[in-house]
């Protein structure tokens, strides 16, 4: 991988990770256009950059949630110092429970994720299908519930929606945001929870690849580091912009973009510019 390719892929990762347009689909498409798939380790490690941006932006919220969750535990030095009904303590449990589906399904479907799910025809289909579902959810949602209203059922449903992002084209943020809208959450509440829910799964995947492949020479450290830093900087700016956008605007522009991208992918596949299956497969969350 060249330095320029690393910068481009870092930009793609940072720009698309948090938007409901599927970062894994974009990395799959851009990688193919540049002549090669970036690889599972490279993709997962660069996601550490975007998730670090989430941790930095939501650091106060994360610190408050962790403190309340620990204080509500029935054991430990700070046991029962916070009521179990405290919204932040409950949010800690919701993030944990919501992270389980993507971990379990990711392990069970590992072979399919690395093979069948990487087919660009399937990516085009999921881009279009979930664009329509997002449009329906945004158009019909009551948008009255805040994160304080979350229940165990909602947490599990959010987690199942996030797990669908194991198929490129679905979008991790798009899946969770769509689920939130269908359950009646506001656009901003669904987006904020999407950011928080991503931290354990995406960070875990990134550091796993870093220690299993990255430190063993599975990736080129220089370009990978550059791409990760670029993804962090761009991702942080996207978080600020996206949260301001969803507080006042609908998701219709993203719906239209997904539909257009699906058409472009099919056209490029038909023209032979893109290959339906990559020579080197990738397994990512996004």
C-alpha atoms as a PDB file:
ATOM      1  CA  UNK A   1       0.000   0.000   0.000  1.00  0.00           C
ATOM      2  CA  UNK A   2       1.292   3.434  -0.918  1.00  0.00           C
ATOM      3  CA  UNK A   3       1.129   6.461   1.368  1.00  0.00           C
ATOM      4  CA  UNK A   4      -1.440   8.090  -0.917  1.00  0.00           C
ATOM      5  CA  UNK A   5      -3.644   5.001  -0.834  1.00  0.00           C
ATOM      6  CA  UNK A   6      -3.377   4.988   2.971  1.00  0.00           C
ATOM      7  CA  UNK A   7      -4.490   8.622   3.155  1.00  0.00           C
ATOM      8  CA  UNK A   8      -7.406   7.961   0.790  1.00  0.00           C
ATOM      9  CA  UNK A   9      -8.584   4.936   2.763  1.00  0.00           C
ATOM     10  CA  UNK A  10      -8.210   6.871   6.020  1.00  0.00           C
ATOM     11  CA  UNK A  11     -10.373   9.640   4.573  1.00  0.00           C
ATOM     12  CA  UNK A  12     -12.977   7.121   3.446  1.00  0.00           C
ATOM     13  CA  UNK A  13     -13.018   5.475   6.876  1.00  0.00           C
ATOM     14  CA  UNK A  14     -13.324   8.788   8.712  1.00  0.00           C
ATOM     15  CA  UNK A  15     -16.008  10.156   6.407  1.00  0.00           C
ATOM     16  CA  UNK A  16     -18.235   7.082   6.337  1.00  0.00           C
ATOM     17  CA  UNK A  17     -17.886   5.329   9.700  1.00  0.00           C
ATOM     18  CA  UNK A  18     -20.547   7.364  11.492  1.00  0.00           C
ATOM     19  CA  UNK A  19     -22.878   8.154   8.604  1.00  0.00           C
ATOM     20  CA  UNK A  20     -25.695   5.707   7.722  1.00  0.00           C
ATOM     21  CA  UNK A  21     -24.041   4.798   4.408  1.00  0.00           C
ATOM     22  CA  UNK A  22     -21.789   1.836   5.392  1.00  0.00           C
ATOM     23  CA  UNK A  23     -18.060   2.365   5.824  1.00  0.00           C
ATOM     24  CA  UNK A  24     -17.297  -1.288   5.032  1.00  0.00           C
ATOM     25  CA  UNK A  25     -19.096  -0.982   1.692  1.00  0.00           C
ATOM     26  CA  UNK A  26     -17.119   2.136   0.799  1.00  0.00           C
ATOM     27  CA  UNK A  27     -13.792   0.593   1.783  1.00  0.00           C
ATOM     28  CA  UNK A  28     -14.674  -2.499  -0.232  1.00  0.00           C
ATOM     29  CA  UNK A  29     -15.570  -0.396  -3.311  1.00  0.00           C
ATOM     30  CA  UNK A  30     -12.687   2.097  -3.067  1.00  0.00           C
ATOM     31  CA  UNK A  31     -10.199  -0.686  -2.395  1.00  0.00           C
ATOM     32  CA  UNK A  32     -11.346  -2.518  -5.517  1.00  0.00           C
ATOM     33  CA  UNK A  33     -11.116   0.665  -7.597  1.00  0.00           C
ATOM     34  CA  UNK A  34      -7.523   1.127  -6.404  1.00  0.00           C
ATOM     35  CA  UNK A  35      -6.690  -2.428  -7.391  1.00  0.00           C
ATOM     36  CA  UNK A  36      -6.718  -4.357  -4.114  1.00  0.00           C
ATOM     37  CA  UNK A  37      -8.694  -4.934  -0.955  1.00  0.00           C
ATOM     38  CA  UNK A  38      -6.951  -3.216   2.008  1.00  0.00           C
ATOM     39  CA  UNK A  39      -7.255  -6.312   4.201  1.00  0.00           C
ATOM     40  CA  UNK A  40      -9.021  -7.161   7.446  1.00  0.00           C
ATOM     41  CA  UNK A  41      -6.222  -6.098   9.773  1.00  0.00           C
ATOM     42  CA  UNK A  42      -5.697  -2.721   8.090  1.00  0.00           C
ATOM     43  CA  UNK A  43      -9.414  -1.935   8.066  1.00  0.00           C
ATOM     44  CA  UNK A  44     -10.012  -2.974  11.678  1.00  0.00           C
ATOM     45  CA  UNK A  45      -6.955  -1.091  12.976  1.00  0.00           C
ATOM     46  CA  UNK A  46      -7.932   2.143  11.216  1.00  0.00           C
ATOM     47  CA  UNK A  47     -11.311   1.891  12.939  1.00  0.00           C
ATOM     48  CA  UNK A  48      -9.438   2.463  16.195  1.00  0.00           C
ATOM     49  CA  UNK A  49      -8.898   5.994  14.907  1.00  0.00           C
ATOM     50  CA  UNK A  50     -12.579   6.715  14.350  1.00  0.00           C
ATOM     51  CA  UNK A  51     -13.600   5.141  17.657  1.00  0.00           C
ATOM     52  CA  UNK A  52     -10.935   7.144  19.486  1.00  0.00           C
ATOM     53  CA  UNK A  53     -12.681  10.201  18.074  1.00  0.00           C
ATOM     54  CA  UNK A  54     -15.931   8.928  19.627  1.00  0.00           C
ATOM     55  CA  UNK A  55     -14.262   8.405  23.004  1.00  0.00           C
ATOM     56  CA  UNK A  56     -12.776  11.907  22.888  1.00  0.00           C
ATOM     57  CA  UNK A  57     -16.016  13.598  21.855  1.00  0.00           C
ATOM     58  CA  UNK A  58     -18.208  11.707  24.349  1.00  0.00           C
ATOM     59  CA  UNK A  59     -15.563  11.492  27.103  1.00  0.00           C
ATOM     60  CA  UNK A  60     -17.754  13.219  29.696  1.00  0.00           C
ATOM     61  CA  UNK A  61     -20.750  11.031  28.932  1.00  0.00           C
ATOM     62  CA  UNK A  62     -18.603   7.891  28.938  1.00  0.00           C
ATOM     63  CA  UNK A  63     -16.947   8.813  32.231  1.00  0.00           C
ATOM     64  CA  UNK A  64     -20.317   9.514  33.842  1.00  0.00           C
ATOM     65  CA  UNK A  65     -21.784   6.227  32.581  1.00  0.00           C
ATOM     66  CA  UNK A  66     -18.826   4.142  33.776  1.00  0.00           C
ATOM     67  CA  UNK A  67     -18.824   5.828  37.193  1.00  0.00           C
ATOM     68  CA  UNK A  68     -22.560   5.268  37.649  1.00  0.00           C
ATOM     69  CA  UNK A  69     -22.387   1.664  36.398  1.00  0.00           C
ATOM     70  CA  UNK A  70     -19.593   0.783  38.842  1.00  0.00           C
ATOM     71  CA  UNK A  71     -21.413   2.535  41.684  1.00  0.00           C
ATOM     72  CA  UNK A  72     -24.585   0.558  41.011  1.00  0.00           C
ATOM     73  CA  UNK A  73     -22.848  -2.837  41.176  1.00  0.00           C
ATOM     74  CA  UNK A  74     -23.695  -4.991  44.223  1.00  0.00           C
ATOM     75  CA  UNK A  75     -19.988  -5.777  44.763  1.00  0.00           C
ATOM     76  CA  UNK A  76     -16.786  -3.796  44.898  1.00  0.00           C
ATOM     77  CA  UNK A  77     -15.481  -0.839  46.916  1.00  0.00           C
ATOM     78  CA  UNK A  78     -18.173   1.496  45.566  1.00  0.00           C
ATOM     79  CA  UNK A  79     -21.041  -0.997  45.671  1.00  0.00           C
ATOM     80  CA  UNK A  80     -24.570   0.400  45.894  1.00  0.00           C
ATOM     81  CA  UNK A  81     -23.363   4.014  45.981  1.00  0.00           C
ATOM     82  CA  UNK A  82     -25.551   4.690  42.941  1.00  0.00           C
ATOM     83  CA  UNK A  83     -29.175   3.486  42.590  1.00  0.00           C
ATOM     84  CA  UNK A  84     -29.603   0.672  40.087  1.00  0.00           C
ATOM     85  CA  UNK A  85     -32.368   2.704  38.476  1.00  0.00           C
ATOM     86  CA  UNK A  86     -29.968   5.550  37.703  1.00  0.00           C
ATOM     87  CA  UNK A  87     -30.203   6.277  33.931  1.00  0.00           C
ATOM     88  CA  UNK A  88     -26.418   6.289  33.481  1.00  0.00           C
ATOM     89  CA  UNK A  89     -25.999   3.017  35.361  1.00  0.00           C
ATOM     90  CA  UNK A  90     -28.681   1.420  33.216  1.00  0.00           C
ATOM     91  CA  UNK A  91     -27.048   2.821  30.067  1.00  0.00           C
ATOM     92  CA  UNK A  92     -23.856   1.002  30.991  1.00  0.00           C
ATOM     93  CA  UNK A  93     -25.741  -2.293  31.030  1.00  0.00           C
ATOM     94  CA  UNK A  94     -27.573  -1.461  27.799  1.00  0.00           C
ATOM     95  CA  UNK A  95     -24.271  -0.882  25.991  1.00  0.00           C
ATOM     96  CA  UNK A  96     -22.926  -4.197  27.304  1.00  0.00           C
ATOM     97  CA  UNK A  97     -26.057  -6.150  26.358  1.00  0.00           C
ATOM     98  CA  UNK A  98     -26.308  -4.397  23.002  1.00  0.00           C
ATOM     99  CA  UNK A  99     -22.731  -5.400  22.152  1.00  0.00           C
ATOM    100  CA  UNK A 100     -23.362  -9.135  22.607  1.00  0.00           C
ATOM    101  CA  UNK A 101     -25.214  -9.867  19.322  1.00  0.00           C
ATOM    102  CA  UNK A 102     -22.504  -8.513  17.028  1.00  0.00           C
ATOM    103  CA  UNK A 103     -19.799 -10.435  18.902  1.00  0.00           C
ATOM    104  CA  UNK A 104     -21.695 -13.730  18.896  1.00  0.00           C
ATOM    105  CA  UNK A 105     -22.898 -13.472  15.299  1.00  0.00           C
ATOM    106  CA  UNK A 106     -19.488 -12.257  14.161  1.00  0.00           C
ATOM    107  CA  UNK A 107     -17.900 -15.455  15.490  1.00  0.00           C
ATOM    108  CA  UNK A 108     -20.636 -17.761  14.222  1.00  0.00           C
ATOM    109  CA  UNK A 109     -20.738 -16.221  10.749  1.00  0.00           C
ATOM    110  CA  UNK A 110     -17.013 -15.580  10.350  1.00  0.00           C
ATOM    111  CA  UNK A 111     -16.657 -17.688   7.186  1.00  0.00           C
ATOM    112  CA  UNK A 112     -19.652 -16.069   5.501  1.00  0.00           C
ATOM    113  CA  UNK A 113     -18.435 -12.590   6.494  1.00  0.00           C
ATOM    114  CA  UNK A 114     -15.073 -13.272   4.840  1.00  0.00           C
ATOM    115  CA  UNK A 115     -16.612 -14.784   1.720  1.00  0.00           C
ATOM    116  CA  UNK A 116     -20.294 -14.674   0.751  1.00  0.00           C
ATOM    117  CA  UNK A 117     -21.082 -11.351   2.453  1.00  0.00           C
ATOM    118  CA  UNK A 118     -18.274  -9.637   0.490  1.00  0.00           C
ATOM    119  CA  UNK A 119     -20.106  -9.991  -2.830  1.00  0.00           C
ATOM    120  CA  UNK A 120     -20.644  -6.513  -4.267  1.00  0.00           C
ATOM    121  CA  UNK A 121     -23.997  -7.521  -5.729  1.00  0.00           C
ATOM    122  CA  UNK A 122     -25.122  -8.250  -2.176  1.00  0.00           C
ATOM    123  CA  UNK A 123     -23.603  -4.929  -1.079  1.00  0.00           C
ATOM    124  CA  UNK A 124     -25.601  -3.074  -3.727  1.00  0.00           C
ATOM    125  CA  UNK A 125     -28.765  -4.872  -2.644  1.00  0.00           C
ATOM    126  CA  UNK A 126     -28.296  -4.029   1.042  1.00  0.00           C
ATOM    127  CA  UNK A 127     -27.408  -0.421   0.226  1.00  0.00           C
ATOM    128  CA  UNK A 128     -30.714  -0.015  -1.612  1.00  0.00           C
ATOM    129  CA  UNK A 129     -32.894  -2.131   0.679  1.00  0.00           C
ATOM    130  CA  UNK A 130     -31.769  -0.514   3.911  1.00  0.00           C
ATOM    131  CA  UNK A 131     -31.989   2.916   2.317  1.00  0.00           C
ATOM    132  CA  UNK A 132     -35.708   2.309   1.870  1.00  0.00           C
ATOM    133  CA  UNK A 133     -36.058   0.984   5.421  1.00  0.00           C
ATOM    134  CA  UNK A 134     -34.245   4.064   6.775  1.00  0.00           C
ATOM    135  CA  UNK A 135     -36.525   6.320   4.725  1.00  0.00           C
ATOM    136  CA  UNK A 136     -39.630   4.551   6.053  1.00  0.00           C
ATOM    137  CA  UNK A 137     -38.380   4.691   9.661  1.00  0.00           C
ATOM    138  CA  UNK A 138     -37.508   8.386   9.436  1.00  0.00           C
ATOM    139  CA  UNK A 139     -40.798   9.278   7.752  1.00  0.00           C
ATOM    140  CA  UNK A 140     -43.054   7.375  10.172  1.00  0.00           C
ATOM    141  CA  UNK A 141     -41.188   7.584  13.499  1.00  0.00           C
ATOM    142  CA  UNK A 142     -42.880   9.355  16.405  1.00  0.00           C
ATOM    143  CA  UNK A 143     -39.441  10.665  17.473  1.00  0.00           C
ATOM    144  CA  UNK A 144     -40.525  11.303  21.066  1.00  0.00           C
ATOM    145  CA  UNK A 145     -38.321   8.926  23.101  1.00  0.00           C
ATOM    146  CA  UNK A 146     -35.013   9.987  24.629  1.00  0.00           C
ATOM    147  CA  UNK A 147     -32.196   7.740  25.840  1.00  0.00           C
ATOM    148  CA  UNK A 148     -33.578   8.028  29.385  1.00  0.00           C
ATOM    149  CA  UNK A 149     -36.589   6.025  28.175  1.00  0.00           C
ATOM    150  CA  UNK A 150     -34.537   3.036  27.002  1.00  0.00           C
ATOM    151  CA  UNK A 151     -35.556  -0.441  28.176  1.00  0.00           C
ATOM    152  CA  UNK A 152     -33.861  -3.852  28.101  1.00  0.00           C
ATOM    153  CA  UNK A 153     -35.922  -4.766  25.054  1.00  0.00           C
ATOM    154  CA  UNK A 154     -34.766  -1.637  23.251  1.00  0.00           C
ATOM    155  CA  UNK A 155     -31.140  -2.333  24.146  1.00  0.00           C
ATOM    156  CA  UNK A 156     -31.332  -5.846  22.687  1.00  0.00           C
ATOM    157  CA  UNK A 157     -33.076  -4.625  19.526  1.00  0.00           C
ATOM    158  CA  UNK A 158     -30.422  -1.937  19.069  1.00  0.00           C
ATOM    159  CA  UNK A 159     -27.762  -4.634  19.431  1.00  0.00           C
ATOM    160  CA  UNK A 160     -29.411  -6.918  16.858  1.00  0.00           C
ATOM    161  CA  UNK A 161     -29.658  -3.988  14.449  1.00  0.00           C
ATOM    162  CA  UNK A 162     -25.968  -3.214  14.894  1.00  0.00           C
ATOM    163  CA  UNK A 163     -25.093  -6.859  14.199  1.00  0.00           C
ATOM    164  CA  UNK A 164     -26.658  -6.590  10.732  1.00  0.00           C
ATOM    165  CA  UNK A 165     -23.687  -4.394   9.790  1.00  0.00           C
ATOM    166  CA  UNK A 166     -21.639  -7.583   9.484  1.00  0.00           C
ATOM    167  CA  UNK A 167     -23.019  -7.485   5.930  1.00  0.00           C
ATOM    168  CA  UNK A 168     -21.307  -4.636   4.032  1.00  0.00           C
ATOM    169  CA  UNK A 169     -23.872  -2.153   2.801  1.00  0.00           C
ATOM    170  CA  UNK A 170     -26.148  -2.342   5.824  1.00  0.00           C
ATOM    171  CA  UNK A 171     -24.153   0.202   7.882  1.00  0.00           C
ATOM    172  CA  UNK A 172     -23.614  -0.193  11.612  1.00  0.00           C
ATOM    173  CA  UNK A 173     -24.752   3.342  12.381  1.00  0.00           C
ATOM    174  CA  UNK A 174     -27.540   3.090   9.812  1.00  0.00           C
ATOM    175  CA  UNK A 175     -28.855  -0.121  11.338  1.00  0.00           C
ATOM    176  CA  UNK A 176     -28.910   1.202  14.903  1.00  0.00           C
ATOM    177  CA  UNK A 177     -30.325   4.579  13.885  1.00  0.00           C
ATOM    178  CA  UNK A 178     -33.064   2.925  11.836  1.00  0.00           C
ATOM    179  CA  UNK A 179     -33.947   0.641  14.749  1.00  0.00           C
ATOM    180  CA  UNK A 180     -34.060   3.635  17.074  1.00  0.00           C
ATOM    181  CA  UNK A 181     -36.385   5.544  14.767  1.00  0.00           C
ATOM    182  CA  UNK A 182     -38.689   2.531  14.406  1.00  0.00           C
ATOM    183  CA  UNK A 183     -38.854   2.331  18.217  1.00  0.00           C
ATOM    184  CA  UNK A 184     -39.797   6.023  18.411  1.00  0.00           C
ATOM    185  CA  UNK A 185     -36.487   7.589  19.480  1.00  0.00           C
ATOM    186  CA  UNK A 186     -35.498  11.055  18.308  1.00  0.00           C
ATOM    187  CA  UNK A 187     -32.929  11.291  15.536  1.00  0.00           C
ATOM    188  CA  UNK A 188     -30.290  12.715  17.888  1.00  0.00           C
ATOM    189  CA  UNK A 189     -30.946  10.125  20.619  1.00  0.00           C
ATOM    190  CA  UNK A 190     -30.654   7.244  18.135  1.00  0.00           C
ATOM    191  CA  UNK A 191     -27.449   8.716  16.684  1.00  0.00           C
ATOM    192  CA  UNK A 192     -25.874   9.272  20.125  1.00  0.00           C
ATOM    193  CA  UNK A 193     -26.619   5.731  21.239  1.00  0.00           C
ATOM    194  CA  UNK A 194     -25.216   4.454  17.938  1.00  0.00           C
ATOM    195  CA  UNK A 195     -21.908   6.161  18.754  1.00  0.00           C
ATOM    196  CA  UNK A 196     -21.778   4.755  22.301  1.00  0.00           C
ATOM    197  CA  UNK A 197     -22.792   1.231  21.262  1.00  0.00           C
ATOM    198  CA  UNK A 198     -20.026   1.069  18.655  1.00  0.00           C
ATOM    199  CA  UNK A 199     -17.170   1.589  21.109  1.00  0.00           C
ATOM    200  CA  UNK A 200     -16.870  -1.935  22.630  1.00  0.00           C
ATOM    201  CA  UNK A 201     -17.383  -3.876  19.378  1.00  0.00           C
ATOM    202  CA  UNK A 202     -15.297  -1.743  17.033  1.00  0.00           C
ATOM    203  CA  UNK A 203     -12.513  -1.025  19.530  1.00  0.00           C
ATOM    204  CA  UNK A 204     -12.399  -4.700  20.449  1.00  0.00           C
ATOM    205  CA  UNK A 205     -12.141  -5.739  16.802  1.00  0.00           C
ATOM    206  CA  UNK A 206      -9.455  -3.144  16.111  1.00  0.00           C
ATOM    207  CA  UNK A 207      -7.196  -4.032  19.010  1.00  0.00           C
ATOM    208  CA  UNK A 208      -7.670  -7.755  18.372  1.00  0.00           C
ATOM    209  CA  UNK A 209      -6.384  -7.287  14.824  1.00  0.00           C
ATOM    210  CA  UNK A 210      -3.621  -4.987  16.039  1.00  0.00           C
ATOM    211  CA  UNK A 211      -2.220  -7.593  18.418  1.00  0.00           C
ATOM    212  CA  UNK A 212      -2.857 -10.659  16.254  1.00  0.00           C
ATOM    213  CA  UNK A 213      -1.935  -9.330  12.811  1.00  0.00           C
ATOM    214  CA  UNK A 214      -0.492  -5.849  13.184  1.00  0.00           C
ATOM    215  CA  UNK A 215       2.316  -6.720  15.581  1.00  0.00           C
ATOM    216  CA  UNK A 216       3.161  -9.865  13.599  1.00  0.00           C
ATOM    217  CA  UNK A 217       3.834  -7.982  10.394  1.00  0.00           C
ATOM    218  CA  UNK A 218       0.411  -8.567   8.883  1.00  0.00           C
ATOM    219  CA  UNK A 219       0.121  -4.896   7.899  1.00  0.00           C
ATOM    220  CA  UNK A 220       2.543  -2.199   6.818  1.00  0.00           C
ATOM    221  CA  UNK A 221       2.882  -0.129  10.026  1.00  0.00           C
ATOM    222  CA  UNK A 222       3.653   3.224   8.392  1.00  0.00           C
ATOM    223  CA  UNK A 223       0.675   3.534   6.016  1.00  0.00           C
ATOM    224  CA  UNK A 224      -1.621   1.914   8.581  1.00  0.00           C
ATOM    225  CA  UNK A 225      -0.662   4.493  11.199  1.00  0.00           C
ATOM    226  CA  UNK A 226      -1.170   7.340   8.727  1.00  0.00           C
ATOM    227  CA  UNK A 227      -4.603   6.034   7.732  1.00  0.00           C
ATOM    228  CA  UNK A 228      -5.595   5.629  11.395  1.00  0.00           C
ATOM    229  CA  UNK A 229      -4.587   9.204  12.237  1.00  0.00           C
ATOM    230  CA  UNK A 230      -6.420  10.557   9.189  1.00  0.00           C
ATOM    231  CA  UNK A 231      -9.508   8.534  10.138  1.00  0.00           C
ATOM    232  CA  UNK A 232      -9.369   9.978  13.675  1.00  0.00           C
ATOM    233  CA  UNK A 233      -9.134  13.618  12.567  1.00  0.00           C
ATOM    234  CA  UNK A 234     -11.789  13.333   9.866  1.00  0.00           C
ATOM    235  CA  UNK A 235     -14.027  11.164  12.047  1.00  0.00           C
ATOM    236  CA  UNK A 236     -14.024  13.718  14.881  1.00  0.00           C
ATOM    237  CA  UNK A 237     -15.131  16.470  12.488  1.00  0.00           C
ATOM    238  CA  UNK A 238     -17.855  14.207  11.067  1.00  0.00           C
ATOM    239  CA  UNK A 239     -19.248  13.518  14.568  1.00  0.00           C
ATOM    240  CA  UNK A 240     -19.675  17.243  15.242  1.00  0.00           C
ATOM    241  CA  UNK A 241     -21.256  17.870  11.846  1.00  0.00           C
ATOM    242  CA  UNK A 242     -23.512  14.825  11.900  1.00  0.00           C
ATOM    243  CA  UNK A 243     -25.019  15.489  15.343  1.00  0.00           C
ATOM    244  CA  UNK A 244     -25.807  19.064  14.351  1.00  0.00           C
ATOM    245  CA  UNK A 245     -27.339  17.878  11.087  1.00  0.00           C
ATOM    246  CA  UNK A 246     -29.651  15.220  12.518  1.00  0.00           C
ATOM    247  CA  UNK A 247     -31.022  17.603  15.135  1.00  0.00           C
ATOM    248  CA  UNK A 248     -32.619  19.704  12.393  1.00  0.00           C
ATOM    249  CA  UNK A 249     -32.684  17.674   9.159  1.00  0.00           C
ATOM    250  CA  UNK A 250     -34.050  14.341   7.958  1.00  0.00           C
ATOM    251  CA  UNK A 251     -32.051  11.359   6.708  1.00  0.00           C
ATOM    252  CA  UNK A 252     -33.425  11.743   3.165  1.00  0.00           C
ATOM    253  CA  UNK A 253     -30.067  12.883   1.664  1.00  0.00           C
ATOM    254  CA  UNK A 254     -28.425   9.696   2.949  1.00  0.00           C
ATOM    255  CA  UNK A 255     -31.298   7.609   1.583  1.00  0.00           C
ATOM    256  CA  UNK A 256     -30.858   9.149  -1.873  1.00  0.00           C
ATOM    257  CA  UNK A 257     -27.072   8.718  -1.709  1.00  0.00           C
ATOM    258  CA  UNK A 258     -27.370   5.033  -0.802  1.00  0.00           C
ATOM    259  CA  UNK A 259     -29.780   4.389  -3.683  1.00  0.00           C
ATOM    260  CA  UNK A 260     -27.527   6.187  -6.166  1.00  0.00           C
ATOM    261  CA  UNK A 261     -24.451   4.343  -4.895  1.00  0.00           C
ATOM    262  CA  UNK A 262     -26.238   1.011  -5.277  1.00  0.00           C
ATOM    263  CA  UNK A 263     -27.010   1.836  -8.912  1.00  0.00           C
ATOM    264  CA  UNK A 264     -23.416   2.942  -9.562  1.00  0.00           C
ATOM    265  CA  UNK A 265     -22.048  -0.277  -8.062  1.00  0.00           C
ATOM    266  CA  UNK A 266     -24.290  -2.435 -10.261  1.00  0.00           C
ATOM    267  CA  UNK A 267     -23.322  -0.425 -13.368  1.00  0.00           C
ATOM    268  CA  UNK A 268     -19.603  -0.713 -12.581  1.00  0.00           C
ATOM    269  CA  UNK A 269     -19.987  -4.430 -11.953  1.00  0.00           C
ATOM    270  CA  UNK A 270     -21.720  -4.842 -15.290  1.00  0.00           C
ATOM    271  CA  UNK A 271     -18.972  -2.853 -17.024  1.00  0.00           C
ATOM    272  CA  UNK A 272     -16.257  -4.985 -15.428  1.00  0.00           C
ATOM    273  CA  UNK A 273     -14.732  -2.045 -13.543  1.00  0.00           C
ATOM    274  CA  UNK A 274     -15.535  -3.693 -10.193  1.00  0.00           C
ATOM    275  CA  UNK A 275     -15.229  -7.373  -9.343  1.00  0.00           C
ATOM    276  CA  UNK A 276     -18.090  -8.985  -7.450  1.00  0.00           C
ATOM    277  CA  UNK A 277     -15.697 -10.811  -5.115  1.00  0.00           C
ATOM    278  CA  UNK A 278     -12.364  -9.398  -3.911  1.00  0.00           C
ATOM    279  CA  UNK A 279      -9.142 -11.284  -4.416  1.00  0.00           C
ATOM    280  CA  UNK A 280      -8.388 -10.706  -0.742  1.00  0.00           C
ATOM    281  CA  UNK A 281     -11.419 -10.677   1.541  1.00  0.00           C
ATOM    282  CA  UNK A 282     -12.065  -8.373   4.453  1.00  0.00           C
ATOM    283  CA  UNK A 283     -14.062  -8.773   7.662  1.00  0.00           C
ATOM    284  CA  UNK A 284     -15.082  -5.476   9.252  1.00  0.00           C
ATOM    285  CA  UNK A 285     -17.810  -3.804  11.206  1.00  0.00           C
ATOM    286  CA  UNK A 286     -19.188  -0.626   9.674  1.00  0.00           C
END
